[in-house]
Protein backbone atom coordinates (compact mmCIF):
# COMPACT_ATOMS: atom_id res chain seq x y z
CA MET A 1 -6.21 -46.76 106.89
CA LEU A 2 -2.10 -46.69 107.22
CA THR A 3 -1.72 -49.67 105.00
CA ALA A 4 -3.33 -48.47 102.31
CA VAL A 5 -1.69 -44.93 102.57
CA LEU A 6 1.40 -46.39 102.36
CA LEU A 7 0.78 -48.47 99.56
CA ALA A 8 -0.68 -45.72 97.12
CA LEU A 9 3.14 -43.58 97.94
CA ALA A 10 4.46 -46.79 97.28
CA CYS A 11 3.12 -47.49 93.71
CA LEU A 12 3.12 -43.29 92.77
CA SER A 13 7.40 -43.48 93.70
CA ALA A 14 7.61 -47.27 91.88
CA PRO A 15 8.99 -45.46 88.32
CA ALA A 16 6.98 -46.34 85.60
CA ARG A 17 8.75 -48.07 82.54
CA ALA A 18 7.26 -45.85 79.71
CA ALA A 19 6.31 -47.97 76.34
CA HIS A 20 8.82 -46.63 73.07
CA ARG A 21 6.80 -45.77 70.41
CA VAL A 22 7.89 -46.87 67.14
CA THR A 23 7.59 -45.54 63.60
CA VAL A 24 8.20 -47.25 60.59
CA LYS A 25 8.83 -45.00 57.30
CA ALA A 26 9.38 -46.59 53.55
CA ALA A 27 10.90 -44.00 50.99
CA LEU A 28 12.28 -44.22 47.70
CA ASP A 29 15.14 -41.61 46.51
CA GLN A 30 13.26 -41.20 43.27
CA THR A 31 10.02 -41.71 41.96
CA ARG A 32 11.48 -41.78 38.12
CA VAL A 33 13.89 -44.71 36.89
CA PRO A 34 15.26 -45.47 33.79
CA LEU A 35 15.64 -49.22 32.85
CA ASN A 36 19.60 -49.12 32.88
CA ARG A 37 20.02 -47.41 36.30
CA THR A 38 19.28 -48.15 40.25
CA ALA A 39 16.59 -46.53 42.39
CA THR A 40 16.95 -47.16 46.33
CA LEU A 41 14.44 -47.96 48.44
CA THR A 42 15.20 -47.42 52.25
CA VAL A 43 13.05 -48.74 55.24
CA ARG A 44 13.38 -46.58 58.62
CA VAL A 45 12.36 -47.75 61.45
CA GLU A 46 12.77 -45.13 64.83
CA TRP A 47 11.99 -44.85 68.11
CA GLU A 48 12.69 -42.57 71.51
CA GLY A 49 15.45 -44.42 73.61
CA ALA A 50 18.06 -45.88 73.28
CA SER A 51 19.36 -47.97 69.95
CA GLY A 52 19.20 -51.62 72.40
CA ASP A 53 15.69 -50.26 73.94
CA ILE A 54 14.54 -51.86 71.18
CA GLU A 55 14.39 -55.63 69.04
CA VAL A 56 13.73 -54.91 65.46
CA ASP A 57 13.45 -58.58 63.08
CA GLU A 58 14.86 -58.26 59.52
CA PRO A 59 11.75 -56.49 58.15
CA SER A 60 10.44 -58.89 54.74
CA ALA A 61 12.27 -58.07 51.45
CA PRO A 62 10.74 -55.72 48.69
CA GLU A 63 8.05 -57.52 46.12
CA SER A 64 7.64 -56.28 42.96
CA ALA A 65 6.94 -58.04 39.47
CA THR A 66 9.23 -55.55 37.65
CA LEU A 67 11.81 -55.09 40.20
CA GLU A 68 14.84 -56.80 41.60
CA VAL A 69 16.73 -56.48 45.04
CA ALA A 70 19.94 -55.74 43.64
CA ALA A 71 21.78 -55.54 47.01
CA ALA A 72 20.51 -54.23 50.48
CA GLY A 73 22.02 -53.38 54.15
CA SER A 74 21.44 -52.41 57.11
CA SER A 75 22.92 -49.70 60.04
CA ASN A 76 22.50 -47.99 62.93
CA GLU A 77 22.10 -44.20 63.87
CA VAL A 78 21.66 -42.50 67.30
CA ALA A 79 20.54 -38.80 67.25
CA THR A 80 19.37 -36.13 70.48
CA ARG A 81 16.07 -34.66 69.84
CA GLY A 82 14.22 -31.93 72.05
CA GLY A 83 16.68 -33.12 75.09
CA ASN A 84 15.32 -37.18 74.30
CA ALA A 85 17.94 -39.73 72.72
CA VAL A 86 16.29 -41.15 69.36
CA ALA A 87 17.24 -43.90 67.40
CA THR A 88 17.34 -44.77 64.49
CA ARG A 89 17.74 -48.40 62.25
CA LEU A 90 17.56 -47.76 58.57
CA TYR A 91 17.41 -50.55 55.75
CA PRO A 92 18.35 -49.60 52.74
CA TYR A 93 17.26 -51.59 49.07
CA VAL A 94 19.44 -51.45 46.07
CA LEU A 95 16.24 -51.87 43.31
CA LYS A 96 17.25 -52.71 39.56
CA PRO A 97 14.49 -52.53 37.16
CA THR A 98 13.39 -55.15 34.43
CA LYS A 99 10.69 -53.20 32.54
CA VAL A 100 9.63 -50.21 31.88
CA GLY A 101 6.24 -48.90 32.60
CA PRO A 102 4.84 -48.63 36.78
CA ALA A 103 6.41 -50.55 39.30
CA GLU A 104 4.25 -51.08 41.95
CA ILE A 105 6.64 -51.99 45.70
CA ALA A 106 3.97 -54.16 48.07
CA PRO A 107 3.86 -53.46 51.70
CA ILE A 108 7.15 -53.85 53.43
CA THR A 109 6.45 -55.65 56.81
CA VAL A 110 8.44 -55.01 60.33
CA THR A 111 8.63 -56.88 63.05
CA TYR A 112 9.78 -55.65 66.87
CA LYS A 113 9.38 -55.76 70.41
CA GLU A 114 10.35 -54.56 73.69
CA ALA A 115 14.14 -55.44 74.73
CA GLY A 116 13.56 -58.60 76.79
CA GLY A 117 10.15 -58.34 76.32
CA ASP A 118 7.79 -61.67 74.47
CA ARG A 119 5.42 -59.26 72.82
CA GLU A 120 6.11 -58.96 69.33
CA GLN A 121 4.11 -56.59 67.03
CA SER A 122 4.23 -55.48 63.73
CA LEU A 123 3.89 -52.27 61.32
CA GLN A 124 3.18 -51.87 57.93
CA THR A 125 4.74 -49.51 54.97
CA PRO A 126 2.28 -47.96 52.72
CA LYS A 127 2.50 -49.07 48.94
CA LEU A 128 4.66 -47.35 46.57
CA THR A 129 4.91 -47.21 43.12
CA LEU A 130 8.32 -46.30 40.82
CA GLU A 131 7.76 -45.00 37.72
CA VAL A 132 10.43 -47.09 35.15
CA VAL A 133 11.48 -44.91 32.00
CA ARG A 134 13.05 -45.76 29.09
CA PRO A 135 17.03 -46.24 29.24
CA VAL A 136 18.68 -43.02 28.77
CA ARG A 137 22.59 -43.05 27.41
CA ASP A 138 25.63 -41.17 29.19
CA GLY A 139 25.90 -38.32 26.51
CA LEU A 140 29.37 -36.74 27.13
CA ALA A 141 29.88 -32.75 26.04
CA ALA A 142 31.67 -31.95 22.94
CA PRO A 143 35.06 -30.78 25.00
CA VAL A 144 34.71 -33.74 26.33
CA ARG A 145 34.80 -36.09 23.24
CA ALA A 146 37.51 -34.13 22.15
CA GLY A 147 39.79 -34.27 25.14
CA LEU A 148 38.92 -37.78 25.53
CA ILE A 149 39.88 -38.64 21.68
CA ALA A 150 43.57 -36.83 21.70
CA PHE A 151 44.19 -38.37 25.59
CA SER A 152 43.32 -41.73 23.62
CA VAL A 153 45.63 -41.08 20.56
CA VAL A 154 48.54 -40.09 23.23
CA LEU A 155 47.78 -43.58 25.47
CA LEU A 156 48.11 -45.41 21.96
CA ALA A 157 51.14 -44.18 21.27
CA ALA A 158 52.24 -45.04 24.81
CA LEU A 159 50.67 -48.46 24.62
CA LEU A 160 53.00 -48.79 21.61
CA VAL A 161 56.54 -48.03 22.81
CA ALA A 162 55.55 -50.43 26.27
CA ALA A 163 54.82 -53.08 23.29
CA ALA A 164 57.67 -52.45 21.59
CA ILE A 165 59.57 -53.14 25.45
CA ARG A 166 57.68 -56.35 26.31
CA VAL A 167 58.31 -57.84 23.11
CA ARG A 168 62.40 -57.27 23.96
CA SER A 169 62.34 -58.98 27.37
CA ALA A 170 59.13 -60.83 26.90
CA SER A 171 62.54 -63.68 26.63
CA ARG A 172 63.43 -63.02 29.55
CA SER A 173 60.13 -62.78 30.82
CA GLU A 174 59.62 -66.19 30.20
CA GLU A 175 62.89 -67.17 31.55
CA ALA A 176 62.35 -65.33 35.10
CA ALA A 177 58.61 -66.49 35.29
CA ALA A 178 60.00 -69.96 34.61
CA GLU A 179 62.15 -70.25 37.47
CA GLU A 180 59.80 -68.49 40.04
CA PRO A 181 57.17 -70.78 41.62
CA GLU A 182 53.27 -70.42 40.47
CA LEU A 183 51.52 -68.86 43.39
CA THR A 184 48.28 -70.43 45.22
CA PRO A 185 45.21 -68.83 44.79
CA SER A 186 45.29 -67.72 48.44
CA GLU A 187 49.22 -65.56 48.12
CA ARG A 188 46.93 -64.43 44.72
CA VAL A 189 44.42 -62.82 47.06
CA SER A 190 47.04 -61.71 49.74
CA VAL A 191 49.22 -59.70 46.97
CA ALA A 192 45.96 -58.14 45.60
CA LEU A 193 45.05 -57.47 49.18
CA GLU A 194 48.31 -55.48 49.62
CA GLU A 195 47.58 -53.83 46.35
CA HIS A 196 44.00 -52.00 46.65
CA LYS A 197 45.60 -50.78 50.41
CA ALA A 198 46.10 -47.86 47.51
CA LEU A 199 43.23 -47.11 47.14
CA ARG A 200 41.85 -46.55 51.36
CA ILE A 201 45.31 -44.50 51.12
CA ALA A 202 43.77 -42.39 48.07
CA GLY A 203 40.46 -41.75 49.75
CA THR A 204 38.09 -44.27 47.63
CA PRO A 205 36.22 -46.26 49.80
CA ARG A 206 33.92 -47.00 47.22
CA GLY A 207 36.57 -48.27 44.49
CA TYR A 208 38.11 -50.14 47.39
CA CYS A 209 34.77 -51.79 47.73
CA GLU A 210 34.77 -53.03 44.23
CA ALA A 211 38.41 -54.50 44.48
CA LEU A 212 37.09 -56.00 47.26
CA ALA A 213 34.79 -58.18 45.69
CA ALA A 214 36.37 -58.64 42.01
CA THR A 215 39.06 -60.36 44.65
CA LEU A 216 36.94 -62.52 46.48
CA LYS A 217 34.94 -63.16 43.36
CA SER A 218 38.10 -64.34 41.50
CA TYR A 219 39.21 -66.80 44.23
CA LEU A 220 35.82 -68.29 44.99
CA ALA A 221 35.36 -68.56 41.15
CA GLU A 222 39.06 -70.84 40.76
CA ALA A 223 38.21 -72.31 44.39
CA PHE A 224 35.14 -73.73 43.49
CA ALA A 225 34.62 -74.40 39.46
CA PHE A 226 31.86 -71.68 38.56
CA ARG A 227 31.85 -68.53 37.14
CA ALA A 228 30.98 -66.35 40.67
CA LYS A 229 32.54 -63.24 38.60
CA GLU A 230 29.27 -62.97 36.38
CA LEU A 231 26.36 -64.08 39.58
CA SER A 232 24.97 -61.66 41.52
CA THR A 233 25.60 -62.02 45.91
CA ALA A 234 22.10 -64.50 46.61
CA ARG A 235 23.50 -66.75 43.39
CA ILE A 236 27.15 -66.96 44.77
CA VAL A 237 25.61 -68.00 48.03
CA GLU A 238 23.46 -70.45 47.00
CA GLU A 239 25.93 -72.11 44.06
CA LEU A 240 28.96 -72.23 47.53
CA ALA A 241 25.60 -74.06 49.26
CA ALA A 242 25.44 -76.60 46.74
CA ARG A 243 28.82 -76.92 46.36
CA GLY A 244 29.26 -78.15 49.90
CA ALA A 245 31.47 -75.11 51.70
CA GLY A 246 31.12 -74.38 55.08
CA GLU A 247 28.55 -72.03 56.97
CA GLU A 248 30.96 -69.76 58.11
CA LEU A 249 32.60 -69.61 54.76
CA ILE A 250 29.46 -68.75 52.97
CA GLY A 251 28.61 -66.12 56.32
CA ARG A 252 31.74 -64.34 55.30
CA ALA A 253 31.31 -64.08 51.86
CA ARG A 254 28.15 -62.79 52.01
CA LYS A 255 28.56 -60.55 53.95
CA VAL A 256 31.27 -58.93 52.03
CA LEU A 257 29.90 -59.04 48.93
CA GLU A 258 26.42 -57.04 50.43
CA GLN A 259 28.57 -54.70 51.68
CA CYS A 260 29.98 -53.92 48.17
CA ASP A 261 26.78 -54.29 46.38
CA LEU A 262 25.68 -51.40 48.86
CA ALA A 263 28.58 -49.58 48.03
CA LYS A 264 28.68 -50.05 44.90
CA PHE A 265 24.76 -49.14 43.65
CA ALA A 266 23.43 -46.80 46.19
CA GLY A 267 26.98 -45.00 46.12
CA THR A 268 27.57 -45.50 50.18
CA SER A 269 31.14 -45.03 51.43
CA PRO A 270 31.74 -47.11 54.59
CA PRO A 271 33.57 -46.22 57.44
CA ALA A 272 36.68 -47.25 58.07
CA GLU A 273 35.48 -49.71 60.68
CA THR A 274 33.45 -51.46 58.11
CA LEU A 275 36.44 -52.03 55.46
CA ASP A 276 38.60 -52.75 58.28
CA GLU A 277 36.17 -55.99 58.87
CA LEU A 278 35.56 -56.53 54.66
CA HIS A 279 38.85 -57.17 54.59
CA ASP A 280 39.46 -58.80 57.20
CA ALA A 281 36.70 -62.12 56.49
CA VAL A 282 37.96 -61.84 53.23
CA LYS A 283 41.96 -62.79 54.35
CA ALA A 284 40.25 -64.99 56.45
CA ILE A 285 38.08 -66.96 54.22
CA VAL A 286 41.56 -67.71 52.04
CA MET A 287 43.20 -68.07 55.26
CA ALA A 288 41.40 -70.75 56.57
CA ALA A 289 42.51 -72.94 53.33
CA VAL A 290 46.14 -72.24 53.40
CA GLY A 291 47.11 -75.32 54.73
CA VAL A 292 44.93 -77.07 52.53
CA GLU A 293 46.29 -75.88 49.65
CA GLU A 294 49.76 -76.85 50.76
CA ASP A 295 48.63 -80.68 51.44
CA GLN A 296 46.65 -80.70 47.69
CA ALA A 297 49.71 -79.13 45.60
CA VAL A 298 51.93 -82.02 47.09
CA GLU A 299 48.93 -84.36 46.06
CA GLY A 300 47.71 -82.65 42.78
CA GLY A 301 44.49 -82.53 43.84
CA SER A 302 42.59 -79.04 43.43
CA VAL A 303 41.78 -75.45 45.23
CA PRO A 304 40.09 -77.01 48.82
CA ASN A 305 36.60 -75.39 48.79
CA GLY A 306 36.92 -74.36 51.98
CA ASN A 307 35.27 -76.37 54.55
CA GLU A 308 38.68 -77.83 56.42
CA PRO A 309 40.39 -75.56 59.10
CA GLY A 310 44.00 -74.22 58.10
CA HIS A 311 47.05 -75.30 59.94
């Protein structure tokens, strides 16, 4: 009898591990979108507890016959609700329409499990519909147009004066350029990264991301001999893999371009630490090839593909 009582007391005193209630929602930032604009679909995974209590797999990408995923990303949020911690994982997708009319988005599956557990569970979002309408024109009010015309006249005059000055100094510039050694691709990127700092100082993270992506695409286009500037992030990753780029380089390039796409299409403003990571990723891509570039320059070869480590 005494043993039974002790066992009962032990069970009552042992802390029970509460199951985390996970919810999954999907929402569009608008119900109607012009053909020449984009809409953002956000998948929201939420549970009570710390962010590390639940392990969430990346959701299946949105599927639609008339919508393309232009950019994707993820972020974490932690808040307090009713005295309890609430963790949220957000997956935004920037959708670009390809056809006018109703665009149906198939249910998105989210798979998760308790941290350290083996039992996986899945939840699905409901089917969504986005109405795609005819393209819109960016109209300008008459005063704005008048101001732009006046500005254009002044700008044209300034350009004419600058052109005259350049004509006078053209011969001097050519002589100076002939004396200066041509910059390598990695040196050009380093110069560009320094110039982009002005955008961060001015508090324009979106402009900084666009400039960073343009610089990286320009480098990849020259290093791997394909038109990276004209391709989407997914196509650039495919081209890099087809040209034998290393997995580390591809991973860094994908991270930079996806984050920059998200800032450009969804209008997000990455925090300072994210901008630092993107800057370091671009720098790591080109610095890994600096030593090889020097060898190629001596041998008269092409720009390295980033598979070989730097010296």
